[in-house]
Amino acid sequence: MTTARAWWRQLPAFMAKPKSPWGGSGGNDDSGDDKSEDNAPDDNGAGPRNPWAQPPGGKSRAGRATSLDELLKRARGGGGGGIGGGGFRLPSGPSSRNLWLGGAGLVLLAWIALTSFHVIGPQERGVVTYFGKYSGTLQPGWQTTLPAPISSVQVVNIDQIRSFQFPENEGANLVLTEDQYLVDLGYTVRWRIADPQQYVFELKGPDDTVKAAAESAVRAAVATTSLDKVIGNGKADIETQVKISMQKVLDEYQAGIVIVGVSLNNASAPSQAMDAFKDVSVAQQEAANSVNAARAWAQQLLQAAEGEAGSFDRVYAQYKLAPEVTRRRMYYETMEQVLGQTNKTVIEGRGVTPYMSIPPGKALPSAPQGGQ
């Protein structure tokens, strides 16, 4: 501050009588029409006001520093002198080295912040490793670890239901049944992550492992099932069997995976034998209809027989109470049913031969004349 004040104090003295590069003073004395003869140039154009001419005395004009030059030198600190010595120096800006160090520090802080703070969602878990070795599992919330590459966090979703369909490109998946028939079978498997640590470290390719286990379990289940059940009402049993078998294999591998469900999407005969299988299906349907009709008819007969048996039991109970009355009533009811279907009925008393009316067409032919 002392050097700056001294410089400002000397500034009016420099500006009062500045030295002009054209010679003389730069004040108001040079203005006007009065000029000294000494300042007039000669025939060669040399004179004190010629900036390119040699000044008197043989000294170069470049050796004389103007007041402005001295001022700039002092401003740069190269002129020396001044109150306090050393001259005035303008404050210098930051060096490139300091800029590089500051930028590197900011980048380092950002890297530490990004790799040390982790936000784990409610349905997520974070598997932490230090130099590639398992260290722990982060629970939901704000969590901190050492920055990378010392630590690494792999976030997995344990609530997401993953699924895949086989075959993927709508191709044929022929599977052999128990009765040596080929069936085109498509299925879908749904699964989720149960143990993040096992899922990350125990298997190299968990998704491929699930697909391989599903294909093996499906073929094993269909190999013990007949074609009728595979394309009919046996799909639920196959799905349950495949799910249990897959879970057993994945638990042995310690895959950390839970099978949610298995669905058989398509179960049909190969296209080459589709016509024959349609005929078989039609025949089976007709056979089932015939069996159902026979069972219905048998049920009707059984109900009618049960009704007649119940009626007989009631009559027998009445017969035990009054045998004669019951016999007569049964006789009258029977005669009513039989005779009620004829147009005319004649009942004679005892000892009387009843007259039998024979229609003319039913009469016996007469005996020939003269014959025996």
Protein backbone atom coordinates (compact mmCIF):
# COMPACT_ATOMS: atom_id res chain seq x y z
CA MET A 1 0.00 0.00 0.00
CA THR A 2 2.91 2.39 0.74
CA THR A 3 4.38 1.85 -2.74
CA ALA A 4 1.01 2.48 -4.40
CA ARG A 5 0.51 5.72 -2.50
CA ALA A 6 4.01 6.93 -3.46
CA TRP A 7 3.30 6.19 -7.10
CA TRP A 8 0.05 8.15 -7.08
CA ARG A 9 1.84 11.07 -5.39
CA GLN A 10 4.49 11.18 -8.16
CA LEU A 11 1.94 10.97 -10.97
CA PRO A 12 1.12 14.76 -11.08
CA ALA A 13 4.84 15.62 -11.27
CA PHE A 14 5.30 13.37 -14.31
CA MET A 15 2.20 14.72 -16.00
CA ALA A 16 3.15 18.42 -15.41
CA LYS A 17 6.15 18.54 -17.80
CA PRO A 18 6.13 15.47 -19.90
CA LYS A 19 8.87 14.95 -22.39
CA SER A 20 7.57 14.69 -25.89
CA PRO A 21 9.13 12.23 -28.27
CA TRP A 22 9.28 15.13 -30.79
CA GLY A 23 11.51 17.22 -28.53
CA GLY A 24 10.73 20.12 -26.25
CA SER A 25 8.03 20.20 -23.73
CA GLY A 26 4.50 19.10 -24.35
CA GLY A 27 2.93 22.12 -22.64
CA ASN A 28 1.03 25.05 -24.05
CA ASP A 29 4.26 26.90 -24.96
CA ASP A 30 4.49 24.93 -28.22
CA SER A 31 1.05 25.97 -29.36
CA GLY A 32 0.58 28.92 -31.66
CA ASP A 33 2.58 30.18 -34.61
CA ASP A 34 5.79 31.19 -32.72
CA LYS A 35 8.49 28.63 -33.34
CA SER A 36 12.15 28.82 -32.55
CA GLU A 37 14.54 28.85 -35.41
CA ASP A 38 16.60 26.24 -33.70
CA ASN A 39 13.69 23.87 -34.00
CA ALA A 40 13.37 24.37 -37.74
CA PRO A 41 14.61 21.48 -39.81
CA ASP A 42 17.54 21.89 -42.15
CA ASP A 43 17.68 21.05 -45.80
CA ASN A 44 18.14 17.34 -45.09
CA GLY A 45 15.04 17.30 -42.95
CA ALA A 46 17.01 16.88 -39.75
CA GLY A 47 15.99 18.78 -36.69
CA PRO A 48 15.01 18.40 -33.11
CA ARG A 49 11.39 17.66 -34.01
CA ASN A 50 12.25 14.94 -36.51
CA PRO A 51 11.66 11.67 -34.66
CA TRP A 52 13.98 9.82 -37.08
CA ALA A 53 16.89 12.31 -36.89
CA GLN A 54 19.91 12.00 -34.61
CA PRO A 55 19.62 14.48 -31.71
CA PRO A 56 22.39 16.96 -31.01
CA GLY A 57 25.33 15.57 -29.17
CA GLY A 58 25.21 12.24 -31.08
CA LYS A 59 23.13 10.48 -28.49
CA SER A 60 20.35 8.25 -29.63
CA ARG A 61 16.87 9.35 -28.72
CA ALA A 62 16.10 5.76 -27.75
CA GLY A 63 18.36 6.14 -24.74
CA ARG A 64 16.13 8.86 -23.32
CA ALA A 65 13.14 7.44 -21.58
CA THR A 66 10.01 9.49 -21.75
CA SER A 67 7.88 10.19 -18.78
CA LEU A 68 5.28 7.70 -20.05
CA ASP A 69 7.96 5.01 -20.44
CA GLU A 70 9.18 5.63 -16.95
CA LEU A 71 5.64 5.51 -15.66
CA LEU A 72 5.01 2.16 -17.32
CA LYS A 73 8.33 0.82 -16.06
CA ARG A 74 7.47 1.83 -12.57
CA ALA A 75 4.07 0.26 -12.96
CA ARG A 76 5.74 -2.99 -14.01
CA GLY A 77 8.28 -2.73 -11.22
CA GLY A 78 11.23 -2.42 -13.58
CA GLY A 79 12.04 1.25 -13.05
CA GLY A 80 13.25 1.09 -9.49
CA GLY A 81 13.11 4.19 -7.35
CA GLY A 82 10.16 5.68 -5.76
CA ILE A 83 9.40 6.09 -2.15
CA GLY A 84 10.10 2.92 -0.28
CA GLY A 85 12.17 1.48 -3.14
CA GLY A 86 11.30 -1.38 -5.38
CA GLY A 87 8.62 0.54 -7.25
CA PHE A 88 4.95 -0.41 -7.65
CA ARG A 89 3.92 -3.82 -8.93
CA LEU A 90 0.46 -4.75 -10.22
CA PRO A 91 -1.00 -7.81 -8.49
CA SER A 92 -0.24 -10.90 -10.50
CA GLY A 93 -2.96 -13.51 -11.33
CA PRO A 94 -2.93 -17.17 -10.19
CA SER A 95 -0.38 -19.36 -11.85
CA SER A 96 -1.36 -22.27 -14.11
CA ARG A 97 -0.01 -24.72 -11.57
CA ASN A 98 -2.41 -23.46 -8.91
CA LEU A 99 -5.29 -23.69 -11.39
CA TRP A 100 -4.44 -27.29 -12.21
CA LEU A 101 -4.16 -28.20 -8.54
CA GLY A 102 -7.51 -26.57 -7.75
CA GLY A 103 -9.27 -28.32 -10.64
CA ALA A 104 -7.79 -31.67 -9.66
CA GLY A 105 -8.98 -31.15 -6.10
CA LEU A 106 -12.53 -30.40 -7.24
CA VAL A 107 -12.58 -33.48 -9.47
CA LEU A 108 -11.31 -35.62 -6.59
CA LEU A 109 -13.97 -34.30 -4.23
CA ALA A 110 -16.70 -34.95 -6.81
CA TRP A 111 -15.42 -38.48 -7.39
CA ILE A 112 -15.41 -39.23 -3.66
CA ALA A 113 -18.93 -37.85 -3.26
CA LEU A 114 -20.32 -39.84 -6.18
CA THR A 115 -18.71 -43.16 -5.21
CA SER A 116 -19.04 -42.95 -1.42
CA PHE A 117 -22.72 -42.01 -0.97
CA HIS A 118 -25.42 -44.43 -2.10
CA VAL A 119 -29.22 -44.26 -2.08
CA ILE A 120 -30.79 -47.73 -1.73
CA GLY A 121 -34.52 -47.98 -2.54
CA PRO A 122 -37.05 -49.91 -0.44
CA GLN A 123 -37.10 -52.80 -2.92
CA GLU A 124 -33.31 -52.82 -3.43
CA ARG A 125 -30.23 -54.16 -1.69
CA GLY A 126 -26.60 -53.14 -2.26
CA VAL A 127 -23.85 -55.78 -2.37
CA VAL A 128 -20.59 -54.17 -1.15
CA THR A 129 -17.13 -55.45 -2.06
CA TYR A 130 -13.71 -54.16 -0.98
CA PHE A 131 -11.06 -54.91 -3.57
CA GLY A 132 -13.39 -57.56 -5.02
CA LYS A 133 -14.11 -59.33 -1.70
CA TYR A 134 -17.64 -59.41 -0.29
CA SER A 135 -18.00 -57.07 2.69
CA GLY A 136 -21.73 -56.74 3.36
CA THR A 137 -25.18 -55.89 2.06
CA LEU A 138 -26.57 -52.36 2.22
CA GLN A 139 -30.14 -51.96 3.44
CA PRO A 140 -32.63 -49.35 2.12
CA GLY A 141 -31.77 -45.70 2.83
CA TRP A 142 -28.71 -43.42 2.62
CA GLN A 143 -25.53 -45.48 2.94
CA THR A 144 -21.81 -44.63 2.76
CA THR A 145 -18.80 -46.67 1.74
CA LEU A 146 -15.20 -46.03 0.85
CA PRO A 147 -14.76 -44.42 -2.56
CA ALA A 148 -14.02 -46.38 -5.69
CA PRO A 149 -11.90 -48.23 -6.64
CA ILE A 150 -11.44 -49.33 -3.03
CA SER A 151 -15.10 -50.35 -2.72
CA SER A 152 -17.80 -51.27 -5.19
CA VAL A 153 -21.57 -51.46 -4.73
CA GLN A 154 -23.87 -53.52 -6.96
CA VAL A 155 -27.56 -52.72 -6.44
CA VAL A 156 -30.09 -55.51 -7.08
CA ASN A 157 -33.90 -55.43 -6.96
CA ILE A 158 -35.29 -58.22 -4.77
CA ASP A 159 -39.00 -57.48 -5.39
CA GLN A 160 -38.96 -57.40 -9.19
CA ILE A 161 -40.58 -60.45 -10.80
CA ARG A 162 -38.41 -61.53 -13.72
CA SER A 163 -39.72 -63.87 -16.41
CA PHE A 164 -38.74 -65.48 -19.66
CA GLN A 165 -40.64 -67.43 -22.31
CA PHE A 166 -39.39 -70.53 -24.04
CA PRO A 167 -39.03 -70.85 -26.95
CA GLU A 168 -38.22 -67.17 -27.41
CA ASN A 169 -38.62 -66.87 -31.20
CA GLU A 170 -41.95 -68.76 -31.49
CA GLY A 171 -40.14 -71.81 -32.79
CA ALA A 172 -40.90 -75.45 -32.11
CA ASN A 173 -39.94 -77.08 -28.82
CA LEU A 174 -40.55 -80.80 -29.29
CA VAL A 175 -40.66 -82.86 -26.10
CA LEU A 176 -41.10 -86.64 -25.84
CA THR A 177 -44.00 -87.89 -23.72
CA GLU A 178 -44.31 -91.06 -21.68
CA ASP A 179 -46.14 -92.92 -24.47
CA GLN A 180 -43.44 -91.99 -27.02
CA TYR A 181 -45.29 -89.12 -28.69
CA LEU A 182 -43.79 -85.77 -29.62
CA VAL A 183 -45.52 -82.65 -28.33
CA ASP A 184 -44.77 -79.01 -29.14
CA LEU A 185 -44.56 -77.35 -25.72
CA GLY A 186 -44.13 -73.66 -24.80
CA TYR A 187 -43.87 -72.36 -21.25
CA THR A 188 -43.15 -69.25 -19.15
CA VAL A 189 -41.10 -69.13 -15.94
CA ARG A 190 -41.39 -66.33 -13.33
CA TRP A 191 -38.71 -65.83 -10.67
CA ARG A 192 -37.15 -63.24 -8.35
CA ILE A 193 -33.97 -62.71 -6.31
CA ALA A 194 -34.08 -63.97 -2.72
CA ASP A 195 -30.43 -63.66 -1.60
CA PRO A 196 -28.45 -60.81 -3.24
CA GLN A 197 -25.06 -62.14 -2.10
CA GLN A 198 -25.61 -65.60 -3.61
CA TYR A 199 -27.14 -64.13 -6.75
CA VAL A 200 -24.07 -61.92 -7.38
CA PHE A 201 -21.25 -64.28 -6.41
CA GLU A 202 -22.33 -67.94 -6.64
CA LEU A 203 -23.32 -68.08 -10.32
CA LYS A 204 -21.57 -66.56 -13.30
CA GLY A 205 -24.78 -66.31 -15.36
CA PRO A 206 -27.91 -66.57 -13.16
CA ASP A 207 -30.33 -65.96 -16.04
CA ASP A 208 -28.82 -68.71 -18.17
CA THR A 209 -28.85 -71.05 -15.17
CA VAL A 210 -32.58 -70.50 -14.65
CA LYS A 211 -33.28 -71.22 -18.32
CA ALA A 212 -31.21 -74.41 -18.29
CA ALA A 213 -32.88 -75.63 -15.09
CA ALA A 214 -36.34 -74.92 -16.54
CA GLU A 215 -35.67 -76.81 -19.76
CA SER A 216 -34.33 -79.83 -17.89
CA ALA A 217 -37.25 -79.88 -15.44
CA VAL A 218 -39.88 -79.58 -18.21
CA ARG A 219 -38.42 -82.45 -20.21
CA ALA A 220 -38.23 -84.64 -17.11
CA ALA A 221 -41.86 -83.89 -16.16
CA VAL A 222 -43.27 -84.48 -19.66
CA ALA A 223 -41.30 -87.73 -19.99
CA THR A 224 -43.40 -89.20 -17.16
CA THR A 225 -46.76 -87.95 -18.49
CA SER A 226 -48.93 -89.31 -21.28
CA LEU A 227 -49.87 -87.25 -24.31
CA ASP A 228 -53.52 -87.03 -23.28
CA LYS A 229 -52.59 -85.39 -20.00
CA VAL A 230 -50.03 -83.07 -21.56
CA ILE A 231 -52.49 -81.62 -24.07
CA GLY A 232 -55.48 -82.16 -21.80
CA ASN A 233 -56.16 -81.68 -18.11
CA GLY A 234 -52.74 -82.65 -16.81
CA LYS A 235 -51.06 -79.27 -17.29
CA ALA A 236 -51.49 -78.16 -13.67
CA ASP A 237 -49.67 -81.24 -12.38
CA ILE A 238 -46.81 -80.67 -14.83
CA GLU A 239 -46.47 -77.01 -13.78
CA THR A 240 -46.27 -77.95 -10.10
CA GLN A 241 -43.75 -80.69 -10.77
CA VAL A 242 -41.54 -78.38 -12.86
CA LYS A 243 -41.59 -75.63 -10.20
CA ILE A 244 -40.55 -78.02 -7.42
CA SER A 245 -37.80 -79.58 -9.53
CA MET A 246 -36.37 -76.19 -10.58
CA GLN A 247 -36.32 -74.86 -7.02
CA LYS A 248 -34.47 -77.96 -5.84
CA VAL A 249 -31.76 -77.56 -8.49
CA LEU A 250 -31.30 -73.82 -7.84
CA ASP A 251 -31.04 -74.39 -4.09
CA GLU A 252 -28.29 -76.92 -4.69
CA TYR A 253 -26.43 -74.32 -6.75
CA GLN A 254 -27.03 -71.68 -4.02
CA ALA A 255 -28.29 -69.33 -6.70
CA GLY A 256 -30.28 -67.10 -4.33
CA ILE A 257 -33.33 -67.36 -6.64
CA VAL A 258 -36.96 -68.23 -5.87
CA ILE A 259 -39.25 -69.66 -8.58
CA VAL A 260 -42.56 -67.82 -8.41
CA GLY A 261 -44.46 -69.87 -10.98
CA VAL A 262 -44.42 -71.92 -14.19
CA SER A 263 -47.11 -71.71 -16.89
CA LEU A 264 -47.57 -73.99 -19.90
CA ASN A 265 -48.63 -71.65 -22.69
CA ASN A 266 -48.94 -74.11 -25.55
CA ALA A 267 -49.15 -77.89 -25.71
CA SER A 268 -50.04 -79.34 -29.09
CA ALA A 269 -49.02 -82.06 -31.49
CA PRO A 270 -46.40 -81.40 -34.16
CA SER A 271 -47.69 -79.88 -37.40
CA GLN A 272 -46.81 -83.03 -39.38
CA ALA A 273 -49.22 -85.15 -37.32
CA MET A 274 -51.85 -82.49 -36.64
CA ASP A 275 -54.54 -84.10 -38.87
CA ALA A 276 -54.19 -87.47 -37.19
CA PHE A 277 -54.35 -85.91 -33.76
CA LYS A 278 -57.47 -83.99 -34.75
CA ASP A 279 -59.16 -87.26 -35.76
CA VAL A 280 -58.15 -88.81 -32.47
CA SER A 281 -59.47 -85.81 -30.61
CA VAL A 282 -62.83 -86.01 -32.43
CA ALA A 283 -63.11 -89.73 -31.68
CA GLN A 284 -62.30 -89.13 -28.04
CA GLN A 285 -64.96 -86.45 -27.87
CA GLU A 286 -67.58 -88.73 -29.41
CA ALA A 287 -66.65 -91.51 -27.01
CA ALA A 288 -66.97 -89.13 -24.10
CA ASN A 289 -70.42 -88.03 -25.32
CA SER A 290 -71.57 -91.65 -25.61
CA VAL A 291 -70.35 -92.45 -22.13
CA ASN A 292 -72.12 -89.40 -20.74
CA ALA A 293 -75.40 -90.37 -22.47
CA ALA A 294 -75.19 -93.94 -21.13
CA ARG A 295 -74.56 -92.67 -17.64
CA ALA A 296 -77.56 -90.36 -17.86
CA TRP A 297 -79.84 -93.21 -19.04
CA ALA A 298 -78.58 -95.47 -16.26
CA GLN A 299 -79.27 -92.74 -13.75
CA GLN A 300 -82.84 -92.39 -14.99
CA LEU A 301 -83.45 -96.15 -14.75
CA LEU A 302 -82.00 -96.24 -11.30
CA GLN A 303 -84.23 -93.44 -10.13
CA ALA A 304 -87.32 -95.15 -11.62
CA ALA A 305 -86.43 -98.46 -9.97
CA GLU A 306 -85.86 -96.74 -6.67
CA GLY A 307 -89.31 -95.12 -7.00
CA GLU A 308 -91.01 -98.46 -7.70
CA ALA A 309 -89.21 -100.09 -4.81
CA GLY A 310 -90.33 -97.33 -2.51
CA SER A 311 -93.93 -97.70 -3.68
CA PHE A 312 -93.83 -101.47 -3.10
CA ASP A 313 -92.48 -100.94 0.39
CA ARG A 314 -95.40 -98.65 1.19
CA VAL A 315 -97.95 -101.18 -0.18
CA TYR A 316 -96.36 -104.01 1.77
CA ALA A 317 -96.60 -101.98 4.95
CA GLN A 318 -100.33 -101.51 4.32
CA TYR A 319 -100.74 -105.21 3.41
CA LYS A 320 -99.36 -106.28 6.77
CA LEU A 321 -101.92 -104.15 8.51
CA ALA A 322 -104.98 -105.36 6.44
CA PRO A 323 -104.17 -108.20 4.03
CA GLU A 324 -107.71 -108.80 2.63
CA VAL A 325 -108.48 -105.18 2.06
CA THR A 326 -105.16 -104.60 0.43
CA ARG A 327 -105.59 -107.59 -1.93
CA ARG A 328 -109.00 -106.39 -3.05
CA ARG A 329 -107.80 -102.85 -3.58
CA MET A 330 -104.85 -104.09 -5.60
CA TYR A 331 -107.20 -106.27 -7.68
CA TYR A 332 -109.49 -103.37 -8.44
CA GLU A 333 -106.57 -101.12 -9.38
CA THR A 334 -105.13 -103.76 -11.68
CA MET A 335 -108.48 -104.43 -13.41
CA GLU A 336 -108.97 -100.72 -13.84
CA GLN A 337 -105.66 -100.41 -15.63
CA VAL A 338 -106.31 -103.46 -17.88
CA LEU A 339 -109.97 -102.92 -18.75
CA GLY A 340 -109.60 -99.19 -19.06
CA GLN A 341 -107.93 -99.70 -22.45
CA THR A 342 -110.91 -101.63 -24.08
CA ASN A 343 -114.00 -100.12 -25.72
CA LYS A 344 -116.59 -102.61 -24.29
CA THR A 345 -116.39 -105.00 -21.37
CA VAL A 346 -119.03 -107.64 -20.40
CA ILE A 347 -118.79 -109.46 -17.10
CA GLU A 348 -121.04 -112.54 -16.62
CA GLY A 349 -121.94 -114.30 -13.47
CA ARG A 350 -120.75 -117.73 -12.47
CA GLY A 351 -121.86 -120.72 -14.62
CA VAL A 352 -122.59 -118.60 -17.69
CA THR A 353 -120.60 -119.07 -20.85
CA PRO A 354 -119.55 -115.69 -22.04
CA TYR A 355 -120.41 -114.57 -25.54
CA MET A 356 -117.39 -113.98 -27.61
CA SER A 357 -117.90 -111.62 -30.48
CA ILE A 358 -115.67 -112.53 -33.39
CA PRO A 359 -115.18 -109.99 -36.13
CA PRO A 360 -116.30 -111.13 -39.62
CA GLY A 361 -112.84 -111.20 -40.99
CA LYS A 362 -111.70 -113.47 -38.22
CA ALA A 363 -114.44 -116.12 -38.67
CA LEU A 364 -113.47 -119.69 -39.56
CA PRO A 365 -114.07 -120.73 -43.17
CA SER A 366 -117.19 -122.88 -43.76
CA ALA A 367 -116.84 -126.61 -44.59
CA PRO A 368 -117.18 -127.54 -48.29
CA GLN A 369 -120.48 -129.17 -49.42
CA GLY A 370 -120.47 -132.89 -49.71
CA GLY A 371 -117.44 -133.11 -47.72
CA GLN A 372 -116.89 -134.65 -44.39
